[in-house]
Amino acid sequence: MENNKVKQIHDYGQSIWLDFIDREIIKSGTLQRLIEEDGVRGVTSNPAIFEKAITGSSDYDEDIKRLSETQKDLELLFYQLAIADIKSAADLFKPLFNDTVKGADGYVSLEVSPRLALNTQGTIAQALRLWKEVDRENVMIKIPGTEEGLEAIRYAIEQGININVTLLFGIDRYEAVTEAYISGLESRLHQGLPIANIASVASFFLSRIDVLVDPILDEKGLGDLKGEVAIASAKTAYQRYKEIFSSDRWRRLAAAGAKPQRLLWASTSSKNPAFKATKYVDALIGPDTVNTVPLETIEAFRQEGTPANTLENDLDKAADTLRRIKDAGIDINQVTRQLEEEGIEKFIAPYNKLLNAIEEQLKC
């Protein structure tokens, strides 16, 4: 399908990963078709996705009953279910991982418990355990980019674990995440350990920014900027990415085989019905980036998307957008702090619902 618009995105250096996983999509062959026809090159998951997968079908019922005979801890039981899916998906993507440039893509992401988002040592312990249990080199462990998560990210990289840093909303925190990644690689290299096999992405959440900021823009008389702040932030982050990963400090690591920590655009489905469904995909296509999208956004892009190199278009407009909201008294750092706090809660809620559902099923 040479004319498939989703597949054409890869021509501009961006990888499309699917923001969804369940057993049906794997067993039915749908995921394989997405790889072949749409050029999907990876998968991300989160607690909300697994909650829908496990409570929304009977595909997991037998395994829940079987595992409960020996596993009484609900959280550990859930992760046994999730790890089985992650392994199956990772095996499906292994040919992509072993493609011309080994490790360029083909990754499947599994997130640590959202209850650990503010717990550094708990995150480290679970990341190490999940990495060992999944036992696939093309898996990434997702760690929230909270302040408490920074040391966990650095340590996990030092230990040779692929990391998908999630829940990023602001430039300052993004820069701190790149520091954690680079420091982890430097520490590992100092110990004489290989760094060429380690991969990481920094997941910058987009549409949630506009959902929070847009009503404030109306109040400030800046309605013309609605739907633009997230894109402006992403374009600014990409410029910082280019600076950080072209520095002398980075070149020393690159000489030892290190891969740049790519920016990943997340939360790219439009939440505002007034916006085009592919708004956040169209505007941010560019080299050495990833966009993780749900099925409905992939379907929309097939029909109405515009594959083109757009990520560095209108950089002056992006800078002006951020300047104007600052001049209007909108504190973007306060906005991103609120989004981080809300983001943690939005993952904890479905996670708790999932564990409660498993517990109720076991009572039947």
Protein backbone atom coordinates (compact mmCIF):
# COMPACT_ATOMS: atom_id res chain seq x y z
CA MET A 1 0.00 0.00 0.00
CA GLU A 2 2.44 2.59 -1.29
CA ASN A 3 -0.15 5.38 -1.07
CA ASN A 4 -0.95 4.72 2.60
CA LYS A 5 -0.59 8.11 4.25
CA VAL A 6 0.37 6.69 7.64
CA LYS A 7 3.15 4.64 6.10
CA GLN A 8 4.45 7.71 4.27
CA ILE A 9 5.21 9.44 7.58
CA HIS A 10 8.26 7.20 7.95
CA ASP A 11 9.67 8.76 4.76
CA TYR A 12 10.15 11.94 6.81
CA GLY A 13 12.09 10.20 9.58
CA GLN A 14 9.24 9.80 12.07
CA SER A 15 8.13 6.47 13.49
CA ILE A 16 4.47 5.76 14.22
CA TRP A 17 3.84 3.62 17.28
CA LEU A 18 0.42 2.34 18.27
CA ASP A 19 -0.90 3.59 21.61
CA PHE A 20 -2.92 0.48 22.32
CA ILE A 21 -2.56 -3.20 23.14
CA ASP A 22 -4.81 -6.14 23.94
CA ARG A 23 -4.83 -9.85 23.19
CA GLU A 24 -7.44 -9.60 20.47
CA ILE A 25 -5.39 -7.20 18.33
CA ILE A 26 -2.40 -9.54 18.62
CA LYS A 27 -4.16 -12.87 18.06
CA SER A 28 -6.48 -11.66 15.28
CA GLY A 29 -3.61 -10.51 13.07
CA THR A 30 -4.73 -6.87 13.26
CA LEU A 31 -1.45 -5.73 14.77
CA GLN A 32 0.51 -7.54 12.07
CA ARG A 33 -1.60 -5.82 9.40
CA LEU A 34 -0.92 -2.45 11.01
CA ILE A 35 2.79 -3.20 10.77
CA GLU A 36 2.57 -4.24 7.12
CA GLU A 37 -0.02 -1.80 5.78
CA ASP A 38 0.39 1.31 7.95
CA GLY A 39 4.05 0.96 8.79
CA VAL A 40 3.42 0.91 12.56
CA ARG A 41 6.82 0.44 14.18
CA GLY A 42 6.13 -0.01 17.90
CA VAL A 43 3.53 -0.13 20.67
CA THR A 44 2.98 1.81 23.88
CA SER A 45 0.74 0.83 26.76
CA ASN A 46 -0.39 2.42 30.01
CA PRO A 47 -2.65 1.53 32.95
CA ALA A 48 -5.75 2.95 31.24
CA ILE A 49 -5.13 0.86 28.13
CA PHE A 50 -4.72 -2.34 30.12
CA GLU A 51 -7.80 -1.53 32.22
CA LYS A 52 -9.91 -1.35 29.05
CA ALA A 53 -8.31 -4.49 27.63
CA ILE A 54 -8.75 -6.67 30.70
CA THR A 55 -12.15 -5.46 31.92
CA GLY A 56 -13.60 -5.00 28.44
CA SER A 57 -13.33 -8.60 27.27
CA SER A 58 -13.29 -12.19 28.48
CA ASP A 59 -9.89 -12.86 26.91
CA TYR A 60 -8.12 -12.73 30.26
CA ASP A 61 -10.65 -14.56 32.44
CA GLU A 62 -9.11 -18.02 32.31
CA ASP A 63 -5.62 -16.69 32.99
CA ILE A 64 -6.87 -14.65 35.93
CA LYS A 65 -8.42 -17.74 37.52
CA ARG A 66 -5.36 -19.89 36.80
CA LEU A 67 -2.85 -17.36 38.09
CA SER A 68 -4.91 -16.67 41.20
CA GLU A 69 -4.34 -20.23 42.36
CA THR A 70 -0.72 -19.38 43.14
CA GLN A 71 -0.63 -15.56 43.04
CA LYS A 72 -2.67 -13.74 45.69
CA ASP A 73 -1.19 -10.27 45.19
CA LEU A 74 -3.52 -8.47 42.74
CA GLU A 75 -0.83 -6.14 41.41
CA LEU A 76 1.61 -8.97 40.73
CA LEU A 77 -1.21 -10.95 39.09
CA PHE A 78 -2.00 -8.01 36.81
CA TYR A 79 1.61 -7.69 35.75
CA GLN A 80 1.74 -11.38 34.87
CA LEU A 81 -1.18 -10.78 32.51
CA ALA A 82 0.38 -7.63 31.07
CA ILE A 83 3.82 -9.16 30.63
CA ALA A 84 2.33 -12.01 28.60
CA ASP A 85 0.85 -9.46 26.16
CA ILE A 86 4.03 -7.39 26.08
CA LYS A 87 6.12 -10.46 25.26
CA SER A 88 3.78 -11.46 22.42
CA ALA A 89 3.84 -7.97 20.93
CA ALA A 90 7.62 -7.69 21.33
CA ASP A 91 8.07 -10.95 19.46
CA LEU A 92 5.84 -9.62 16.68
CA PHE A 93 7.98 -6.48 16.39
CA LYS A 94 11.34 -8.27 16.64
CA PRO A 95 11.91 -8.25 12.82
CA LEU A 96 11.58 -4.45 12.87
CA PHE A 97 13.96 -4.25 15.82
CA ASN A 98 16.47 -6.31 13.86
CA ASP A 99 15.98 -4.22 10.72
CA THR A 100 18.80 -2.53 8.81
CA VAL A 101 19.63 -0.30 11.77
CA LYS A 102 19.29 -2.63 14.75
CA GLY A 103 17.28 -1.10 17.56
CA ALA A 104 15.99 1.88 15.59
CA ASP A 105 12.41 0.76 16.20
CA GLY A 106 10.34 -2.29 17.09
CA TYR A 107 9.86 -1.39 20.76
CA VAL A 108 6.94 -2.26 23.03
CA SER A 109 6.49 -0.25 26.25
CA LEU A 110 5.32 -1.44 29.68
CA GLU A 111 4.73 1.07 32.48
CA VAL A 112 5.63 0.79 36.14
CA SER A 113 2.73 1.14 38.58
CA PRO A 114 1.34 4.70 38.55
CA ARG A 115 1.20 4.43 42.35
CA LEU A 116 5.00 4.72 42.26
CA ALA A 117 5.13 8.01 40.33
CA LEU A 118 6.44 9.88 43.37
CA ASN A 119 8.49 6.98 44.79
CA THR A 120 12.06 6.86 43.47
CA GLN A 121 13.21 3.64 45.11
CA GLY A 122 9.95 1.84 44.45
CA THR A 123 10.15 2.80 40.78
CA ILE A 124 13.73 1.55 40.53
CA ALA A 125 12.88 -1.77 42.14
CA GLN A 126 9.87 -2.39 39.91
CA ALA A 127 11.64 -1.26 36.72
CA LEU A 128 14.45 -3.74 37.39
CA ARG A 129 11.98 -6.53 38.12
CA LEU A 130 9.81 -5.88 35.06
CA TRP A 131 12.84 -5.67 32.78
CA LYS A 132 14.06 -9.04 34.04
CA GLU A 133 10.65 -10.69 33.81
CA VAL A 134 9.83 -9.42 30.32
CA ASP A 135 13.26 -10.53 29.09
CA ARG A 136 13.02 -8.91 25.66
CA GLU A 137 15.64 -6.51 24.33
CA ASN A 138 13.02 -4.62 22.32
CA VAL A 139 10.94 -3.63 25.34
CA MET A 140 10.97 -0.23 27.05
CA ILE A 141 10.00 0.26 30.66
CA LYS A 142 7.91 3.41 31.12
CA ILE A 143 8.83 5.67 34.02
CA PRO A 144 6.99 8.95 34.68
CA GLY A 145 9.20 12.02 34.26
CA THR A 146 8.33 13.37 37.68
CA GLU A 147 11.00 14.96 39.84
CA GLU A 148 11.12 11.72 41.82
CA GLY A 149 11.37 9.75 38.60
CA LEU A 150 14.54 11.47 37.38
CA GLU A 151 16.96 9.45 39.51
CA ALA A 152 15.06 6.27 38.70
CA ILE A 153 15.48 7.04 34.99
CA ARG A 154 19.19 7.77 35.38
CA TYR A 155 19.80 4.61 37.40
CA ALA A 156 17.76 2.40 35.04
CA ILE A 157 19.76 3.68 32.05
CA GLU A 158 22.98 3.00 33.96
CA GLN A 159 21.73 -0.56 34.47
CA GLY A 160 21.21 -1.00 30.72
CA ILE A 161 17.40 -0.81 30.67
CA ASN A 162 15.53 0.80 27.76
CA ILE A 163 13.35 3.58 29.14
CA ASN A 164 10.27 5.37 27.83
CA VAL A 165 9.95 8.51 29.93
CA THR A 166 6.27 9.37 30.18
CA LEU A 167 4.09 12.27 31.38
CA LEU A 168 6.25 15.13 30.15
CA PHE A 169 4.54 18.49 29.65
CA GLY A 170 7.16 21.21 30.03
CA ILE A 171 10.52 22.19 28.53
CA ASP A 172 12.33 22.46 31.87
CA ARG A 173 11.39 18.93 32.90
CA TYR A 174 12.23 17.65 29.43
CA GLU A 175 15.74 19.07 29.77
CA ALA A 176 16.08 17.40 33.18
CA VAL A 177 15.08 14.10 31.58
CA THR A 178 17.75 14.41 28.89
CA GLU A 179 20.27 15.08 31.67
CA ALA A 180 19.17 11.89 33.46
CA TYR A 181 19.57 9.91 30.24
CA ILE A 182 22.97 11.32 29.37
CA SER A 183 24.25 11.00 32.94
CA GLY A 184 23.13 7.39 33.06
CA LEU A 185 25.00 6.62 29.85
CA GLU A 186 28.11 8.42 31.08
CA SER A 187 28.09 6.46 34.34
CA ARG A 188 27.67 3.20 32.46
CA LEU A 189 30.46 4.04 30.03
CA HIS A 190 32.74 5.02 32.93
CA GLN A 191 32.26 1.50 34.28
CA GLY A 192 33.40 0.06 30.96
CA LEU A 193 29.92 -1.20 30.08
CA PRO A 194 28.41 -1.04 26.57
CA ILE A 195 25.95 1.74 25.74
CA ALA A 196 25.21 1.08 22.08
CA ASN A 197 22.35 -1.30 22.92
CA ILE A 198 20.37 1.16 25.06
CA ALA A 199 17.39 3.12 23.71
CA SER A 200 15.11 5.74 25.24
CA VAL A 201 12.32 8.08 24.26
CA ALA A 202 10.99 11.15 26.06
CA SER A 203 7.19 11.24 25.75
CA PHE A 204 5.87 14.79 25.47
CA PHE A 205 2.09 14.92 26.08
CA LEU A 206 0.30 17.40 23.83
CA SER A 207 -3.47 17.67 23.61
CA ARG A 208 -3.86 17.76 27.39
CA ILE A 209 -1.91 21.05 27.39
CA ASP A 210 -4.43 22.69 25.10
CA VAL A 211 -7.40 21.24 26.99
CA LEU A 212 -6.20 23.08 30.10
CA VAL A 213 -4.86 26.26 28.49
CA ASP A 214 -7.47 27.01 25.83
CA PRO A 215 -10.23 28.18 28.24
CA ILE A 216 -7.69 30.53 29.85
CA LEU A 217 -6.79 31.91 26.42
CA ASP A 218 -10.42 32.82 25.84
CA GLU A 219 -10.46 34.68 29.16
CA LYS A 220 -7.28 36.57 28.20
CA GLY A 221 -8.53 37.57 24.76
CA LEU A 222 -6.10 35.22 23.04
CA GLY A 223 -8.62 32.98 21.34
CA ASP A 224 -6.53 32.95 18.16
CA LEU A 225 -3.96 30.81 20.03
CA LYS A 226 -6.39 28.02 20.92
CA GLY A 227 -4.93 24.67 19.93
CA GLU A 228 -1.49 26.18 19.36
CA VAL A 229 0.28 26.13 22.74
CA ALA A 230 0.96 22.38 22.77
CA ILE A 231 2.36 22.47 19.24
CA ALA A 232 4.50 25.50 20.07
CA SER A 233 5.86 23.70 23.13
CA ALA A 234 6.64 20.60 21.10
CA LYS A 235 8.45 22.56 18.40
CA THR A 236 10.49 24.33 21.09
CA ALA A 237 11.35 21.00 22.74
CA TYR A 238 12.56 19.67 19.40
CA GLN A 239 14.93 22.60 19.00
CA ARG A 240 16.35 21.84 22.44
CA TYR A 241 16.66 18.19 21.43
CA LYS A 242 18.77 19.17 18.44
CA GLU A 243 21.01 21.36 20.59
CA ILE A 244 21.48 18.80 23.36
CA PHE A 245 22.18 15.89 21.06
CA SER A 246 24.70 17.77 18.93
CA SER A 247 26.81 19.02 21.87
CA ASP A 248 30.42 18.00 22.46
CA ARG A 249 29.31 16.14 25.54
CA TRP A 250 26.89 14.05 23.47
CA ARG A 251 29.39 13.47 20.68
CA ARG A 252 31.68 11.66 23.13
CA LEU A 253 28.87 9.26 23.94
CA ALA A 254 27.84 8.92 20.29
CA ALA A 255 31.41 7.91 19.48
CA ALA A 256 30.86 4.95 21.83
CA GLY A 257 27.65 4.02 20.01
CA ALA A 258 25.03 5.86 22.07
CA LYS A 259 21.63 6.56 20.49
CA PRO A 260 19.93 9.95 21.00
CA GLN A 261 16.89 9.91 23.24
CA ARG A 262 14.17 10.61 20.70
CA LEU A 263 11.23 12.85 21.43
CA LEU A 264 7.93 11.00 21.33
CA TRP A 265 4.69 12.90 20.79
CA ALA A 266 1.97 11.45 23.02
CA SER A 267 -1.67 12.34 23.65
CA THR A 268 -1.97 13.28 19.98
CA SER A 269 -5.66 12.56 19.48
CA SER A 270 -7.65 15.78 19.26
CA LYS A 271 -9.81 16.34 22.34
CA ASN A 272 -11.58 19.38 20.85
CA PRO A 273 -14.15 18.38 18.19
CA ALA A 274 -13.55 21.74 16.50
CA PHE A 275 -10.01 20.64 15.62
CA LYS A 276 -9.06 18.36 12.78
CA ALA A 277 -8.68 14.78 14.07
CA THR A 278 -5.08 14.64 12.82
CA LYS A 279 -4.07 18.12 14.01
CA TYR A 280 -1.29 17.02 16.36
CA VAL A 281 0.08 14.49 13.89
CA ASP A 282 0.08 16.79 10.86
CA ALA A 283 1.95 19.58 12.64
CA LEU A 284 4.80 17.56 14.17
CA ILE A 285 6.22 15.24 11.53
CA GLY A 286 9.99 15.38 11.44
CA PRO A 287 13.26 13.44 11.64
CA ASP A 288 14.29 11.29 14.58
CA THR A 289 10.94 11.52 16.36
CA VAL A 290 8.15 9.13 17.32
CA ASN A 291 4.40 9.70 17.44
CA THR A 292 2.31 7.22 19.41
CA VAL A 293 -1.32 7.29 18.30
CA PRO A 294 -4.52 5.37 19.06
CA LEU A 295 -6.26 3.30 16.42
CA GLU A 296 -8.87 5.96 15.66
CA THR A 297 -6.17 8.54 14.89
CA ILE A 298 -4.39 6.10 12.57
CA GLU A 299 -7.69 5.55 10.77
CA ALA A 300 -8.28 9.29 10.54
CA PHE A 301 -4.80 9.94 9.16
CA ARG A 302 -5.33 7.34 6.43
CA GLN A 303 -8.26 9.45 5.23
CA GLU A 304 -7.36 13.07 5.94
CA GLY A 305 -3.78 13.25 7.15
CA THR A 306 -1.05 15.23 5.44
CA PRO A 307 2.32 13.46 5.38
CA ALA A 308 4.99 16.17 5.12
CA ASN A 309 8.03 17.43 7.00
CA THR A 310 6.33 20.00 9.24
CA LEU A 311 8.13 19.90 12.59
CA GLU A 312 10.37 22.87 11.91
CA ASN A 313 7.82 24.98 10.09
CA ASP A 314 6.67 28.24 11.69
CA LEU A 315 9.29 28.27 14.45
CA ASP A 316 8.92 32.04 14.79
CA LYS A 317 5.18 31.58 15.27
CA ALA A 318 5.83 28.96 17.98
CA ALA A 319 8.18 31.30 19.85
CA ASP A 320 5.68 34.15 19.51
CA THR A 321 2.88 31.95 20.86
CA LEU A 322 4.83 31.13 24.02
CA ARG A 323 5.86 34.78 24.42
CA ARG A 324 2.29 36.01 24.12
CA ILE A 325 0.90 33.63 26.74
CA LYS A 326 3.73 34.62 29.09
CA ASP A 327 3.03 38.31 28.53
CA ALA A 328 -0.64 37.62 29.29
CA GLY A 329 0.33 36.27 32.71
CA ILE A 330 -0.13 32.58 31.97
CA ASP A 331 2.53 30.68 33.92
CA ILE A 332 3.34 27.71 31.71
CA ASN A 333 5.37 26.10 34.51
CA GLN A 334 2.33 26.17 36.77
CA VAL A 335 0.26 24.70 33.94
CA THR A 336 2.69 21.83 33.42
CA ARG A 337 2.87 21.11 37.16
CA GLN A 338 -0.92 20.85 37.28
CA LEU A 339 -0.93 18.60 34.22
CA GLU A 340 1.66 16.30 35.78
CA GLU A 341 -0.38 15.97 38.98
CA GLU A 342 -3.57 15.35 37.02
CA GLY A 343 -1.78 12.92 34.71
CA ILE A 344 -0.68 10.78 37.65
CA GLU A 345 -4.24 10.69 38.96
CA LYS A 346 -5.61 9.84 35.50
CA PHE A 347 -3.41 6.74 35.46
CA ILE A 348 -3.96 5.77 39.11
CA ALA A 349 -7.77 5.83 38.76
CA PRO A 350 -8.02 3.20 35.98
CA TYR A 351 -5.24 1.20 37.61
CA ASN A 352 -7.23 0.99 40.84
CA LYS A 353 -10.37 0.19 38.86
CA LEU A 354 -8.51 -2.61 37.10
CA LEU A 355 -7.25 -4.18 40.33
CA ASN A 356 -10.72 -3.90 41.87
CA ALA A 357 -12.24 -5.60 38.82
CA ILE A 358 -9.80 -8.48 39.09
CA GLU A 359 -10.58 -8.81 42.77
CA GLU A 360 -14.33 -8.88 42.10
CA GLN A 361 -13.89 -11.49 39.38
CA LEU A 362 -12.02 -13.75 41.78
CA LYS A 363 -14.96 -13.62 44.20
CA CYS A 364 -17.31 -15.08 41.61
